Amino acid sequence: MMVVKSENSSALIRLEFKSVREAETVKRALAPEEELPATARCRARIFRRENALFLQVDADDTAALRAALNSFIRWAIVARDMLEPRRKGNG
């Protein structure tokens, strides 16, 4: 029997925001996801510098890395969009 172990995959993503306040608000919105226990395949860390958030994801394989990045980026976009004032005619 042959066992193939894939190499670990990781990514560091920088997300820039209009202000430090906006970046901190999005960071706090994502904090519950970061605090979840690391799965067998993925671990995530979020930190802020000035008006930028950094998302560090380490995964056992590229599929887990892609899934985690897609989720965190989508959650960050939703959190950011919730900060935008409603535009006239948009609801």
Foldseek 3Di string as FASTA:
>chain_A
DDDDFAAKDKDKDKDFDPFQVLQVQLCVQCVVVQPDDADPFKHWDWDDDTRMIIIIMIGRDPVVVVVVVVVSVVSSVVSSVVPDDDDPPND
